[in-house]
């Protein structure tokens, strides 16, 4: 579940050795991948089973945990992208500031 956010952060850190365009392209691609993880995980969950027919304690217990991990990874990755979207311009201003 924490693999996608970790890859996003490591890719963001490594992108500072590249051009500015590379950093923004990688951040955009990470956002798209995160949204796709949420959409695919949500589609794989399908309709929840009725707890009375499957002997589950609740409808969340009747869902497949693999798809829930995919949705959680996508949401964490998207949140990570939002944080980096705020940090990146601030870091670029600080790094590119001419020294006095």
C-alpha atoms as a PDB file:
ATOM      1  CA  UNK A   1       0.000   0.000   0.000  1.00  0.00           C
ATOM      2  CA  UNK A   2       2.902   2.373   0.651  1.00  0.00           C
ATOM      3  CA  UNK A   3       4.847   1.379  -2.454  1.00  0.00           C
ATOM      4  CA  UNK A   4       3.204   3.900  -4.798  1.00  0.00           C
ATOM      5  CA  UNK A   5       3.775   6.928  -2.522  1.00  0.00           C
ATOM      6  CA  UNK A   6       7.366   5.793  -1.900  1.00  0.00           C
ATOM      7  CA  UNK A   7       8.024   5.497  -5.640  1.00  0.00           C
ATOM      8  CA  UNK A   8       6.490   8.931  -6.191  1.00  0.00           C
ATOM      9  CA  UNK A   9       8.707  10.560  -3.552  1.00  0.00           C
ATOM     10  CA  UNK A  10      11.879   8.793  -4.737  1.00  0.00           C
ATOM     11  CA  UNK A  11      11.114   9.732  -8.359  1.00  0.00           C
ATOM     12  CA  UNK A  12      10.480  13.332  -7.307  1.00  0.00           C
ATOM     13  CA  UNK A  13      13.782  13.505  -5.438  1.00  0.00           C
ATOM     14  CA  UNK A  14      15.689  11.986  -8.364  1.00  0.00           C
ATOM     15  CA  UNK A  15      13.994  14.361 -10.806  1.00  0.00           C
ATOM     16  CA  UNK A  16      15.846  17.305  -9.263  1.00  0.00           C
ATOM     17  CA  UNK A  17      18.944  16.209 -11.174  1.00  0.00           C
ATOM     18  CA  UNK A  18      17.017  16.529 -14.426  1.00  0.00           C
ATOM     19  CA  UNK A  19      15.354  19.383 -16.207  1.00  0.00           C
ATOM     20  CA  UNK A  20      12.442  21.261 -14.646  1.00  0.00           C
ATOM     21  CA  UNK A  21      10.102  19.820 -17.280  1.00  0.00           C
ATOM     22  CA  UNK A  22      10.973  16.260 -16.242  1.00  0.00           C
ATOM     23  CA  UNK A  23       9.933  16.975 -12.654  1.00  0.00           C
ATOM     24  CA  UNK A  24       6.498  18.246 -13.693  1.00  0.00           C
ATOM     25  CA  UNK A  25       5.935  15.455 -16.219  1.00  0.00           C
ATOM     26  CA  UNK A  26       6.775  12.804 -13.617  1.00  0.00           C
ATOM     27  CA  UNK A  27       4.529  14.470 -11.035  1.00  0.00           C
ATOM     28  CA  UNK A  28       1.662  14.612 -13.541  1.00  0.00           C
ATOM     29  CA  UNK A  29       2.185  10.979 -14.532  1.00  0.00           C
ATOM     30  CA  UNK A  30       2.197   9.943 -10.869  1.00  0.00           C
ATOM     31  CA  UNK A  31      -1.111  11.744 -10.360  1.00  0.00           C
ATOM     32  CA  UNK A  32      -2.632   9.950 -13.347  1.00  0.00           C
ATOM     33  CA  UNK A  33      -1.382   6.567 -12.108  1.00  0.00           C
ATOM     34  CA  UNK A  34      -2.814   7.268  -8.647  1.00  0.00           C
ATOM     35  CA  UNK A  35      -6.230   8.129 -10.071  1.00  0.00           C
ATOM     36  CA  UNK A  36      -6.129   4.998 -12.246  1.00  0.00           C
ATOM     37  CA  UNK A  37      -5.352   2.881  -9.173  1.00  0.00           C
ATOM     38  CA  UNK A  38      -8.411   4.293  -7.408  1.00  0.00           C
ATOM     39  CA  UNK A  39     -10.665   3.767 -10.445  1.00  0.00           C
ATOM     40  CA  UNK A  40      -9.428   0.228 -11.151  1.00  0.00           C
ATOM     41  CA  UNK A  41      -9.611  -0.758  -7.472  1.00  0.00           C
ATOM     42  CA  UNK A  42     -13.111   0.678  -7.183  1.00  0.00           C
ATOM     43  CA  UNK A  43     -14.241  -1.244 -10.287  1.00  0.00           C
ATOM     44  CA  UNK A  44     -12.757  -4.515  -8.991  1.00  0.00           C
ATOM     45  CA  UNK A  45     -14.648  -4.249  -5.711  1.00  0.00           C
ATOM     46  CA  UNK A  46     -17.951  -4.709  -7.442  1.00  0.00           C
ATOM     47  CA  UNK A  47     -21.207  -4.638  -5.544  1.00  0.00           C
ATOM     48  CA  UNK A  48     -20.880  -5.660  -1.897  1.00  0.00           C
ATOM     49  CA  UNK A  49     -22.364  -8.991  -0.939  1.00  0.00           C
ATOM     50  CA  UNK A  50     -25.303  -9.227   1.401  1.00  0.00           C
ATOM     51  CA  UNK A  51     -23.952 -10.054   4.885  1.00  0.00           C
ATOM     52  CA  UNK A  52     -26.872 -12.362   5.623  1.00  0.00           C
ATOM     53  CA  UNK A  53     -26.167 -14.661   2.676  1.00  0.00           C
ATOM     54  CA  UNK A  54     -22.372 -14.873   2.942  1.00  0.00           C
ATOM     55  CA  UNK A  55     -22.017 -14.911   6.753  1.00  0.00           C
ATOM     56  CA  UNK A  56     -20.038 -11.664   6.911  1.00  0.00           C
ATOM     57  CA  UNK A  57     -20.259  -9.356   9.881  1.00  0.00           C
ATOM     58  CA  UNK A  58     -20.584  -6.242   7.690  1.00  0.00           C
ATOM     59  CA  UNK A  59     -20.589  -5.269   4.030  1.00  0.00           C
ATOM     60  CA  UNK A  60     -16.949  -4.109   4.301  1.00  0.00           C
ATOM     61  CA  UNK A  61     -15.975  -7.576   5.530  1.00  0.00           C
ATOM     62  CA  UNK A  62     -17.578  -9.054   2.409  1.00  0.00           C
ATOM     63  CA  UNK A  63     -15.391  -7.088  -0.035  1.00  0.00           C
ATOM     64  CA  UNK A  64     -12.086  -8.263  -1.488  1.00  0.00           C
ATOM     65  CA  UNK A  65      -9.204  -6.732   0.511  1.00  0.00           C
ATOM     66  CA  UNK A  66      -6.904  -6.714  -2.538  1.00  0.00           C
ATOM     67  CA  UNK A  67      -8.995  -4.100  -4.259  1.00  0.00           C
ATOM     68  CA  UNK A  68      -9.205  -2.063  -1.047  1.00  0.00           C
ATOM     69  CA  UNK A  69      -5.393  -1.980  -0.914  1.00  0.00           C
ATOM     70  CA  UNK A  70      -5.313  -0.723  -4.499  1.00  0.00           C
ATOM     71  CA  UNK A  71      -7.793   2.042  -3.689  1.00  0.00           C
ATOM     72  CA  UNK A  72      -5.849   2.984  -0.541  1.00  0.00           C
ATOM     73  CA  UNK A  73      -2.561   3.067  -2.466  1.00  0.00           C
ATOM     74  CA  UNK A  74      -4.129   5.277  -5.115  1.00  0.00           C
ATOM     75  CA  UNK A  75      -5.546   7.664  -2.523  1.00  0.00           C
ATOM     76  CA  UNK A  76      -2.221   7.853  -0.656  1.00  0.00           C
ATOM     77  CA  UNK A  77      -0.381   8.379  -3.947  1.00  0.00           C
ATOM     78  CA  UNK A  78      -2.779  11.131  -4.982  1.00  0.00           C
ATOM     79  CA  UNK A  79      -2.379  12.814  -1.603  1.00  0.00           C
ATOM     80  CA  UNK A  80       1.373  12.570  -1.966  1.00  0.00           C
ATOM     81  CA  UNK A  81       1.124  14.180  -5.418  1.00  0.00           C
ATOM     82  CA  UNK A  82      -0.952  17.029  -3.989  1.00  0.00           C
ATOM     83  CA  UNK A  83       1.617  17.693  -1.272  1.00  0.00           C
ATOM     84  CA  UNK A  84       4.465  17.623  -3.802  1.00  0.00           C
ATOM     85  CA  UNK A  85       2.447  19.909  -6.064  1.00  0.00           C
ATOM     86  CA  UNK A  86       2.604  22.513  -3.300  1.00  0.00           C
ATOM     87  CA  UNK A  87       6.213  21.811  -2.265  1.00  0.00           C
ATOM     88  CA  UNK A  88       7.712  21.818  -5.779  1.00  0.00           C
ATOM     89  CA  UNK A  89       7.114  25.478  -6.708  1.00  0.00           C
ATOM     90  CA  UNK A  90       8.274  26.600  -3.255  1.00  0.00           C
ATOM     91  CA  UNK A  91      11.437  24.506  -3.541  1.00  0.00           C
ATOM     92  CA  UNK A  92      12.110  25.802  -7.059  1.00  0.00           C
ATOM     93  CA  UNK A  93      11.841  29.399  -5.820  1.00  0.00           C
ATOM     94  CA  UNK A  94      14.230  28.734  -2.931  1.00  0.00           C
ATOM     95  CA  UNK A  95      16.742  26.831  -5.069  1.00  0.00           C
ATOM     96  CA  UNK A  96      16.710  29.274  -7.984  1.00  0.00           C
ATOM     97  CA  UNK A  97      16.938  32.374  -5.751  1.00  0.00           C
ATOM     98  CA  UNK A  98      20.117  34.280  -6.560  1.00  0.00           C
ATOM     99  CA  UNK A  99      22.501  34.415  -3.622  1.00  0.00           C
ATOM    100  CA  UNK A 100      23.326  37.851  -2.277  1.00  0.00           C
END
